[in-house]
Amino acid sequence: MSSYDYSPPSNNSGITAGAVILSLVVLGIIAVISLVCARKAKKAIVTELQAAVAPPPVNTIQVWEVDTPTMEKFFQELAREKPVRFTAQQLCSFTDNYTTTLGSGGFGMVYKGQFPNGVKIAVKVLNRSPDRQAEEQFMAEVGTIGRTYHINLVRLYGFCYDQFMSALVYEYLENGSLDKYLFSEAQEVEWEKLHHIAVGTAKGIAYLHEECVERIIHYDIKPGNILLDANFFPKVADFGLAKLCNRDGTHLTVSGYRGTPGYSAPEFLLKNHPITHKCDVYSFGMLLFEIVGRRRNAKVGSNESMDWFPKHTWEEYEKGDLAAMTVACGIEEKDREKAERMSMVALWCVQDSPDSRPPMSAVVKMLEGGVEVMPPPKPFHYLYSVGMNVFQQANETGTNSSYATSEETSSIWYKETTPIMAKYEIQVASS
């Protein structure tokens, strides 16, 4: 027999070993799960950061859950067009948390920003209102300028719309709006440049009226809505009141007054009067008067009488003193012929009857100087007698709402001239 007693191993040792192994297995599982979760979280953070600093692919629209079904339907239709739908995070990043304010108004605020690639932008953040006005303005701007591209129209890069924000992302134009150059005493812009601005603006409006698939009526042409780039190249902006119009339609039914007093056409003052694209022509005519005079059209004189430059221009034209008027406006001799021409074009644009106003394609021709501007009839009859007969009067030469095409040799607004004709006229005059 052995000198010591043998006893079987205790069960406590097995239990301890099993517990250790089980703990290691559990810890391993926890470690694997933690690693997987960490990788997923990192990937989500990187994706979110990339979305915050870089725009989504061009011509794609991210679908947000929006309260109004009408807006979602509108966005689905817009998906086939050009503007990009940005997120609120992206706009915050582009504008450096809305640091630099470019301007403000009843519509909201405009902020300066920049895309990650360095392209500068202007972000217009619209005020929300219970009467849906901001929503209507938003759809007007995106639904009109968002469908078009022209060198004389401000470019809409994209927009943002969710339950908290309505914003529009435009190209940034360094020199701001035309009004600050027209109405400042410094007169930083030479008149020749102002003439180029007038022609470029006319080309932009002509594109809206005559070259788009659907005619676009702006309704608010004025110096404050003509923006200028670093080289003072003009671009028509602010389409918050704009409407699409079937090209075959003769007029639109418009509820309420549109535009800015002093620039809006007189037909807006008459109830249920048909409104056509010629209301933009009238507004452009008022803009031309302000370019010629480098002043606001309406000023109160020393004896508190109203000094209205458009009426003064007609009176000087009627007396044959347009040249003297341009001298009084401080226009140099080299620019006076263009200024007189611009004055006559302006008088055509502000005719009482919309049908008597030229289309913008004809306005471009007349401003550029390739045609002879015909003598305009007296405008502003509505100042003395407001009534339907004033606006429905037919021009003696039988005007209609069609516009002159490039194939036509003459119209009631201008007469085509050629170098040969001009040379022949000079020879006759000198014989």
Protein backbone atom coordinates (compact mmCIF):
# COMPACT_ATOMS: atom_id res chain seq x y z
CA MET A 1 0.00 0.00 0.00
CA SER A 2 1.26 3.48 -0.78
CA SER A 3 2.37 5.80 1.94
CA TYR A 4 -0.15 8.51 0.86
CA ASP A 5 -3.82 8.32 0.13
CA TYR A 6 -5.00 9.06 -3.50
CA SER A 7 -7.98 11.36 -3.92
CA PRO A 8 -9.69 12.17 -7.32
CA PRO A 9 -9.27 15.72 -8.78
CA SER A 10 -11.70 18.29 -7.50
CA ASN A 11 -14.60 19.44 -9.75
CA ASN A 12 -13.77 23.08 -8.84
CA SER A 13 -10.71 23.04 -11.16
CA GLY A 14 -12.80 22.03 -14.19
CA ILE A 15 -15.39 24.64 -13.48
CA THR A 16 -12.74 27.33 -13.22
CA ALA A 17 -11.12 26.33 -16.52
CA GLY A 18 -14.50 26.31 -18.26
CA ALA A 19 -15.34 29.74 -16.91
CA VAL A 20 -12.05 31.13 -18.18
CA ILE A 21 -12.59 29.67 -21.64
CA LEU A 22 -16.18 30.94 -21.78
CA SER A 23 -15.06 34.43 -20.70
CA LEU A 24 -12.42 34.49 -23.44
CA VAL A 25 -15.00 33.44 -26.03
CA VAL A 26 -17.45 36.15 -24.88
CA LEU A 27 -14.71 38.77 -24.88
CA GLY A 28 -13.70 37.69 -28.38
CA ILE A 29 -17.27 37.99 -29.63
CA ILE A 30 -17.60 41.44 -28.01
CA ALA A 31 -14.32 42.53 -29.61
CA VAL A 32 -15.45 41.38 -33.07
CA ILE A 33 -18.82 43.10 -32.70
CA SER A 34 -17.15 46.31 -31.47
CA LEU A 35 -14.73 46.26 -34.42
CA VAL A 36 -17.55 45.81 -36.92
CA CYS A 37 -19.61 48.59 -35.32
CA ALA A 38 -16.60 50.93 -35.24
CA ARG A 39 -15.95 50.37 -38.94
CA LYS A 40 -19.59 51.03 -39.80
CA ALA A 41 -19.66 54.20 -37.69
CA LYS A 42 -16.43 55.45 -39.31
CA LYS A 43 -17.83 54.79 -42.78
CA ALA A 44 -21.07 56.65 -41.91
CA ILE A 45 -19.13 59.64 -40.54
CA VAL A 46 -16.92 59.83 -43.64
CA THR A 47 -19.97 59.63 -45.92
CA GLU A 48 -21.73 62.40 -43.98
CA LEU A 49 -18.67 64.64 -44.09
CA GLN A 50 -18.25 64.09 -47.84
CA ALA A 51 -21.90 65.00 -48.38
CA ALA A 52 -21.42 68.18 -46.32
CA VAL A 53 -18.49 69.52 -48.33
CA ALA A 54 -19.12 68.25 -51.87
CA PRO A 55 -22.16 68.70 -54.11
CA PRO A 56 -24.02 65.63 -55.32
CA PRO A 57 -23.50 64.51 -58.93
CA VAL A 58 -24.77 67.00 -61.52
CA ASN A 59 -28.41 66.68 -62.59
CA THR A 60 -29.35 64.35 -59.71
CA ILE A 61 -32.02 65.19 -57.18
CA GLN A 62 -32.09 63.74 -53.69
CA VAL A 63 -35.61 62.99 -52.58
CA TRP A 64 -36.55 64.53 -49.24
CA GLU A 65 -39.70 63.88 -47.30
CA VAL A 66 -41.59 67.15 -47.75
CA ASP A 67 -44.86 68.14 -46.17
CA THR A 68 -46.53 69.43 -49.32
CA PRO A 69 -47.32 66.84 -52.02
CA THR A 70 -47.53 69.68 -54.56
CA MET A 71 -43.87 70.55 -53.96
CA GLU A 72 -42.77 66.92 -54.31
CA LYS A 73 -44.61 66.61 -57.63
CA PHE A 74 -42.97 69.85 -58.71
CA PHE A 75 -39.52 68.45 -57.86
CA GLN A 76 -40.16 65.19 -59.71
CA GLU A 77 -40.96 67.16 -62.86
CA LEU A 78 -37.91 69.32 -62.29
CA ALA A 79 -35.67 66.25 -62.06
CA ARG A 80 -35.48 66.25 -65.85
CA GLU A 81 -34.08 69.79 -65.84
CA LYS A 82 -30.69 71.24 -64.91
CA PRO A 83 -30.60 72.60 -61.31
CA VAL A 84 -29.10 70.49 -58.52
CA ARG A 85 -30.86 69.91 -55.24
CA PHE A 86 -28.52 70.72 -52.36
CA THR A 87 -28.92 69.87 -48.68
CA ALA A 88 -29.11 72.39 -45.85
CA GLN A 89 -25.78 70.99 -44.58
CA GLN A 90 -24.15 71.71 -47.92
CA LEU A 91 -25.40 75.31 -48.04
CA CYS A 92 -24.13 75.87 -44.50
CA SER A 93 -20.74 74.58 -45.60
CA PHE A 94 -20.71 76.56 -48.87
CA THR A 95 -21.47 79.84 -47.05
CA ASP A 96 -19.18 79.21 -44.06
CA ASN A 97 -22.26 79.16 -41.82
CA TYR A 98 -23.78 82.20 -43.61
CA THR A 99 -20.95 84.54 -42.65
CA THR A 100 -21.05 87.12 -45.49
CA THR A 101 -24.31 88.92 -46.30
CA LEU A 102 -24.69 90.33 -49.83
CA GLY A 103 -28.14 91.85 -49.42
CA SER A 104 -31.59 91.56 -47.94
CA GLY A 105 -35.19 92.41 -48.72
CA GLY A 106 -38.77 91.35 -48.20
CA PHE A 107 -37.95 88.01 -49.86
CA GLY A 108 -35.21 87.11 -47.36
CA MET A 109 -31.39 87.26 -47.27
CA VAL A 110 -28.63 86.71 -49.84
CA TYR A 111 -25.30 85.28 -48.69
CA LYS A 112 -21.95 84.91 -50.42
CA GLY A 113 -20.56 81.40 -50.70
CA GLN A 114 -18.20 79.14 -52.59
CA PHE A 115 -18.28 75.62 -53.96
CA PRO A 116 -15.43 73.28 -52.94
CA ASN A 117 -13.93 73.77 -56.43
CA GLY A 118 -13.61 77.52 -55.80
CA VAL A 119 -16.59 78.76 -57.84
CA LYS A 120 -18.24 81.67 -56.04
CA ILE A 121 -22.01 81.61 -55.47
CA ALA A 122 -24.84 83.70 -54.07
CA VAL A 123 -27.30 81.85 -51.84
CA LYS A 124 -30.75 83.43 -51.54
CA VAL A 125 -32.56 82.16 -48.43
CA LEU A 126 -36.28 82.90 -48.73
CA ASN A 127 -38.48 83.90 -45.81
CA ARG A 128 -41.22 81.41 -45.04
CA SER A 129 -44.73 82.88 -44.78
CA PRO A 130 -48.15 81.38 -44.02
CA ASP A 131 -49.66 82.82 -47.23
CA ARG A 132 -47.49 80.56 -49.45
CA GLN A 133 -45.90 83.59 -51.09
CA ALA A 134 -42.36 82.28 -50.52
CA GLU A 135 -43.37 78.90 -51.92
CA GLU A 136 -44.82 80.54 -55.03
CA GLN A 137 -41.71 82.69 -55.49
CA PHE A 138 -39.51 79.62 -55.07
CA MET A 139 -41.39 77.64 -57.71
CA ALA A 140 -41.45 80.67 -60.04
CA GLU A 141 -37.68 81.10 -59.90
CA VAL A 142 -36.72 77.44 -60.15
CA GLY A 143 -39.45 76.66 -62.69
CA THR A 144 -38.43 79.46 -65.08
CA ILE A 145 -34.74 80.33 -64.90
CA GLY A 146 -34.02 76.70 -63.96
CA ARG A 147 -35.21 75.60 -67.40
CA THR A 148 -33.08 78.01 -69.42
CA TYR A 149 -29.52 79.02 -70.07
CA HIS A 150 -28.42 82.24 -71.75
CA ILE A 151 -25.32 84.34 -71.35
CA ASN A 152 -27.46 87.36 -70.35
CA LEU A 153 -29.48 85.51 -67.70
CA VAL A 154 -28.15 84.84 -64.22
CA ARG A 155 -27.37 81.14 -63.84
CA LEU A 156 -29.21 79.05 -61.26
CA TYR A 157 -26.88 76.32 -59.99
CA GLY A 158 -29.41 74.70 -57.73
CA PHE A 159 -31.75 74.96 -54.77
CA CYS A 160 -32.57 73.61 -51.33
CA TYR A 161 -36.05 72.86 -50.06
CA ASP A 162 -37.11 71.01 -46.93
CA GLN A 163 -39.49 71.56 -44.03
CA PHE A 164 -37.18 74.23 -42.61
CA MET A 165 -35.55 76.02 -45.55
CA SER A 166 -36.20 77.38 -49.05
CA ALA A 167 -33.04 78.59 -50.78
CA LEU A 168 -31.74 79.28 -54.28
CA VAL A 169 -28.10 78.98 -55.35
CA TYR A 170 -27.03 81.42 -58.08
CA GLU A 171 -23.78 82.37 -59.72
CA TYR A 172 -22.04 85.22 -57.94
CA LEU A 173 -21.72 88.50 -59.88
CA GLU A 174 -19.01 90.73 -58.47
CA ASN A 175 -20.34 94.18 -59.36
CA GLY A 176 -23.84 93.78 -57.98
CA SER A 177 -26.89 95.47 -59.48
CA LEU A 178 -27.08 98.22 -62.09
CA ASP A 179 -28.98 100.68 -59.91
CA LYS A 180 -26.02 101.52 -57.70
CA TYR A 181 -24.06 102.68 -60.76
CA LEU A 182 -26.92 104.56 -62.44
CA PHE A 183 -28.00 106.55 -59.42
CA SER A 184 -24.69 107.33 -57.72
CA GLU A 185 -23.06 110.71 -58.27
CA ALA A 186 -19.65 109.10 -58.82
CA GLN A 187 -20.62 107.84 -62.33
CA GLU A 188 -18.00 105.10 -62.25
CA VAL A 189 -19.26 103.45 -65.45
CA GLU A 190 -18.72 105.22 -68.78
CA TRP A 191 -21.75 105.68 -70.99
CA GLU A 192 -20.45 103.34 -73.72
CA LYS A 193 -20.46 100.56 -71.14
CA LEU A 194 -24.02 101.47 -70.15
CA HIS A 195 -25.02 101.10 -73.81
CA HIS A 196 -23.54 97.58 -73.87
CA ILE A 197 -25.45 96.80 -70.67
CA ALA A 198 -28.71 97.94 -72.31
CA VAL A 199 -28.09 95.77 -75.39
CA GLY A 200 -27.15 92.71 -73.32
CA THR A 201 -30.21 93.10 -71.11
CA ALA A 202 -32.43 93.37 -74.20
CA LYS A 203 -30.91 90.16 -75.58
CA GLY A 204 -31.64 88.34 -72.33
CA ILE A 205 -35.29 89.43 -72.34
CA ALA A 206 -35.61 88.62 -76.06
CA TYR A 207 -34.45 85.09 -75.27
CA LEU A 208 -37.10 84.73 -72.57
CA HIS A 209 -39.86 85.99 -74.87
CA GLU A 210 -38.93 84.56 -78.24
CA GLU A 211 -36.44 81.69 -77.98
CA CYS A 212 -37.54 79.54 -75.04
CA VAL A 213 -39.75 76.52 -75.67
CA GLU A 214 -42.29 78.22 -73.42
CA ARG A 215 -42.30 82.01 -73.33
CA ILE A 216 -41.20 83.41 -69.97
CA ILE A 217 -42.58 86.76 -68.77
CA HIS A 218 -40.36 88.33 -66.13
CA TYR A 219 -42.77 91.00 -64.78
CA ASP A 220 -40.13 92.94 -62.83
CA ILE A 221 -37.51 94.40 -65.18
CA LYS A 222 -35.70 97.26 -63.40
CA PRO A 223 -32.08 98.32 -62.67
CA GLY A 224 -32.08 96.48 -59.35
CA ASN A 225 -32.70 93.19 -61.17
CA ILE A 226 -29.88 93.61 -63.69
CA LEU A 227 -26.70 92.14 -62.20
CA LEU A 228 -23.17 92.84 -63.46
CA ASP A 229 -20.12 90.59 -63.45
CA ALA A 230 -16.50 91.67 -62.98
CA ASN A 231 -16.45 93.11 -66.53
CA PHE A 232 -19.87 94.80 -66.17
CA PHE A 233 -21.49 92.18 -68.40
CA PRO A 234 -25.25 92.25 -67.67
CA LYS A 235 -27.45 89.37 -66.57
CA VAL A 236 -31.18 89.52 -65.89
CA ALA A 237 -31.98 88.23 -62.40
CA ASP A 238 -34.80 87.76 -59.86
CA PHE A 239 -37.48 85.60 -61.44
CA GLY A 240 -39.67 85.54 -58.35
CA LEU A 241 -42.65 86.99 -60.24
CA ALA A 242 -41.98 85.25 -63.56
CA LYS A 243 -44.49 83.02 -65.32
CA LEU A 244 -44.37 80.52 -68.16
CA CYS A 245 -46.69 81.25 -71.06
CA ASN A 246 -47.71 79.11 -74.02
CA ARG A 247 -46.09 80.71 -77.06
CA ASP A 248 -49.35 80.44 -79.01
CA GLY A 249 -51.31 82.18 -76.25
CA THR A 250 -52.00 85.87 -76.77
CA HIS A 251 -52.19 86.84 -73.12
CA LEU A 252 -52.14 85.65 -69.52
CA THR A 253 -54.72 86.06 -66.81
CA VAL A 254 -52.87 87.71 -63.96
CA SER A 255 -54.38 88.26 -60.54
CA GLY A 256 -53.23 91.40 -58.75
CA TYR A 257 -50.59 93.97 -59.44
CA ARG A 258 -47.15 92.70 -60.45
CA GLY A 259 -43.79 94.38 -60.63
CA THR A 260 -42.43 97.63 -59.23
CA PRO A 261 -44.32 100.95 -59.40
CA GLY A 262 -42.64 103.24 -61.91
CA TYR A 263 -41.61 100.32 -64.11
CA SER A 264 -44.85 98.31 -64.41
CA ALA A 265 -46.94 98.71 -67.55
CA PRO A 266 -50.14 100.79 -67.29
CA GLU A 267 -52.37 97.85 -68.25
CA PHE A 268 -51.86 96.45 -64.74
CA LEU A 269 -53.97 99.34 -63.45
CA LEU A 270 -57.02 98.14 -65.36
CA LYS A 271 -59.15 95.35 -63.99
CA ASN A 272 -59.35 92.18 -66.10
CA HIS A 273 -57.19 93.69 -68.85
CA PRO A 274 -55.17 91.05 -70.77
CA ILE A 275 -51.50 91.00 -69.83
CA THR A 276 -48.92 89.98 -72.45
CA HIS A 277 -45.15 89.73 -72.61
CA LYS A 278 -45.18 93.34 -73.83
CA CYS A 279 -45.39 94.43 -70.18
CA ASP A 280 -41.68 93.54 -69.97
CA VAL A 281 -41.03 95.75 -73.00
CA TYR A 282 -42.63 98.70 -71.22
CA SER A 283 -40.50 98.09 -68.11
CA PHE A 284 -37.38 97.87 -70.26
CA GLY A 285 -38.28 101.21 -71.85
CA MET A 286 -38.40 102.77 -68.39
CA LEU A 287 -34.98 101.26 -67.71
CA LEU A 288 -33.62 102.86 -70.92
CA PHE A 289 -34.79 106.32 -69.82
CA GLU A 290 -32.84 105.89 -66.58
CA ILE A 291 -29.72 104.85 -68.50
CA VAL A 292 -29.94 107.92 -70.74
CA GLY A 293 -30.54 110.29 -67.82
CA ARG A 294 -28.34 108.42 -65.29
CA ARG A 295 -31.04 109.29 -62.75
CA ARG A 296 -34.31 107.95 -61.42
CA ASN A 297 -37.21 108.69 -63.71
CA ALA A 298 -39.27 110.39 -61.03
CA LYS A 299 -37.83 113.24 -58.96
CA VAL A 300 -39.49 115.97 -56.94
CA GLY A 301 -38.45 119.41 -58.16
CA SER A 302 -37.56 122.48 -56.08
CA ASN A 303 -41.16 123.74 -56.19
CA GLU A 304 -42.41 120.26 -55.16
CA SER A 305 -43.58 119.51 -58.71
CA MET A 306 -42.94 116.09 -60.20
CA ASP A 307 -40.01 115.94 -62.62
CA TRP A 308 -40.69 112.87 -64.73
CA PHE A 309 -37.84 112.18 -67.16
CA PRO A 310 -39.77 109.99 -69.68
CA LYS A 311 -42.28 112.81 -70.27
CA HIS A 312 -39.44 115.31 -70.53
CA THR A 313 -37.75 113.08 -73.13
CA TRP A 314 -40.89 113.03 -75.27
CA GLU A 315 -41.21 116.82 -75.06
CA GLU A 316 -37.59 117.29 -76.14
CA TYR A 317 -38.02 114.77 -78.98
CA GLU A 318 -41.19 116.49 -80.15
CA LYS A 319 -39.28 119.80 -80.31
CA GLY A 320 -36.35 118.14 -82.10
CA ASP A 321 -34.05 118.84 -79.15
CA LEU A 322 -32.93 115.33 -78.19
CA ALA A 323 -29.31 116.29 -78.90
CA ALA A 324 -29.53 119.19 -76.45
CA MET A 325 -31.10 116.89 -73.86
CA THR A 326 -28.20 114.41 -74.12
CA VAL A 327 -25.78 117.31 -73.57
CA ALA A 328 -27.70 118.29 -70.45
CA CYS A 329 -27.43 114.68 -69.27
CA GLY A 330 -23.65 114.93 -69.43
CA ILE A 331 -23.24 112.51 -72.35
CA GLU A 332 -20.06 113.05 -74.36
CA GLU A 333 -20.25 113.91 -78.04
CA LYS A 334 -18.98 110.49 -79.15
CA ASP A 335 -21.94 108.81 -77.41
CA ARG A 336 -24.74 111.24 -78.26
CA GLU A 337 -25.95 109.52 -81.42
CA LYS A 338 -26.40 106.27 -79.47
CA ALA A 339 -28.09 108.16 -76.65
CA GLU A 340 -30.58 109.79 -79.05
CA ARG A 341 -31.26 106.39 -80.61
CA MET A 342 -31.78 104.87 -77.17
CA SER A 343 -34.22 107.64 -76.30
CA MET A 344 -36.30 106.92 -79.41
CA VAL A 345 -36.27 103.18 -78.66
CA ALA A 346 -37.42 103.92 -75.10
CA LEU A 347 -40.32 106.00 -76.45
CA TRP A 348 -41.37 103.07 -78.64
CA CYS A 349 -41.16 100.64 -75.71
CA VAL A 350 -43.49 102.69 -73.49
CA GLN A 351 -46.35 103.09 -75.95
CA ASP A 352 -49.76 102.85 -74.29
CA SER A 353 -51.00 99.99 -76.44
CA PRO A 354 -49.05 96.75 -75.87
CA ASP A 355 -49.38 95.94 -79.57
CA SER A 356 -47.62 99.19 -80.44
CA ARG A 357 -44.56 98.25 -78.43
CA PRO A 358 -41.81 96.47 -80.38
CA PRO A 359 -40.79 92.89 -79.56
CA MET A 360 -37.47 92.61 -77.79
CA SER A 361 -35.78 91.17 -80.89
CA ALA A 362 -36.63 94.43 -82.68
CA VAL A 363 -35.42 96.42 -79.66
CA VAL A 364 -32.04 94.68 -79.91
CA LYS A 365 -31.77 95.59 -83.60
CA MET A 366 -32.66 99.20 -82.98
CA LEU A 367 -30.24 99.60 -80.08
CA GLU A 368 -27.37 97.99 -81.97
CA GLY A 369 -27.74 100.56 -84.74
CA GLY A 370 -28.07 98.29 -87.76
CA VAL A 371 -31.51 99.68 -88.64
CA GLU A 372 -33.14 103.09 -88.86
CA VAL A 373 -35.48 103.77 -85.95
CA MET A 374 -38.81 105.10 -87.16
CA PRO A 375 -40.37 108.16 -85.45
CA PRO A 376 -42.32 107.00 -82.38
CA PRO A 377 -45.86 108.28 -81.75
CA LYS A 378 -46.75 110.13 -78.58
CA PRO A 379 -46.91 107.87 -75.51
CA PHE A 380 -48.38 108.37 -72.03
CA HIS A 381 -51.97 109.09 -73.04
CA TYR A 382 -52.98 107.17 -69.91
CA LEU A 383 -51.66 110.04 -67.81
CA TYR A 384 -54.54 112.14 -69.05
CA SER A 385 -57.29 109.58 -69.63
CA VAL A 386 -57.23 106.11 -68.11
CA GLY A 387 -59.60 103.78 -69.86
CA MET A 388 -59.84 100.68 -72.00
CA ASN A 389 -59.90 102.71 -75.21
CA VAL A 390 -56.41 104.05 -74.52
CA PHE A 391 -54.87 100.58 -74.44
CA GLN A 392 -56.93 99.07 -77.22
CA GLN A 393 -56.23 101.81 -79.71
CA ALA A 394 -54.83 100.52 -82.97
CA ASN A 395 -51.74 102.01 -84.44
CA GLU A 396 -52.34 103.86 -87.70
CA THR A 397 -50.05 101.46 -89.51
CA GLY A 398 -51.93 98.43 -88.29
CA THR A 399 -49.82 96.89 -85.56
CA ASN A 400 -50.30 93.44 -84.18
CA SER A 401 -48.66 91.30 -81.54
CA SER A 402 -46.34 89.48 -83.91
CA TYR A 403 -42.73 90.48 -83.98
CA ALA A 404 -40.43 91.29 -86.89
CA THR A 405 -38.25 88.42 -88.04
CA SER A 406 -34.81 88.57 -89.57
CA GLU A 407 -36.31 88.01 -93.02
CA GLU A 408 -38.45 91.14 -92.86
CA THR A 409 -36.95 94.29 -94.35
CA SER A 410 -39.06 96.76 -92.39
CA SER A 411 -41.58 97.16 -89.59
CA ILE A 412 -43.48 99.99 -87.95
CA TRP A 413 -40.61 100.35 -85.48
CA TYR A 414 -37.61 100.38 -87.79
CA LYS A 415 -36.49 100.29 -91.41
CA GLU A 416 -33.72 98.04 -92.63
CA THR A 417 -30.69 99.79 -94.10
CA THR A 418 -27.67 98.38 -95.91
CA PRO A 419 -24.22 99.84 -96.58
CA ILE A 420 -25.18 100.29 -100.25
CA MET A 421 -28.35 102.18 -99.35
CA ALA A 422 -26.48 104.33 -96.89
CA LYS A 423 -23.81 105.11 -99.49
CA TYR A 424 -26.46 105.98 -102.10
CA GLU A 425 -28.20 108.34 -99.67
CA ILE A 426 -24.93 110.13 -98.94
CA GLN A 427 -24.27 110.58 -102.68
CA VAL A 428 -27.72 112.04 -103.27
CA ALA A 429 -27.39 114.38 -100.30
CA SER A 430 -24.03 115.67 -101.55
CA SER A 431 -25.04 116.15 -105.20
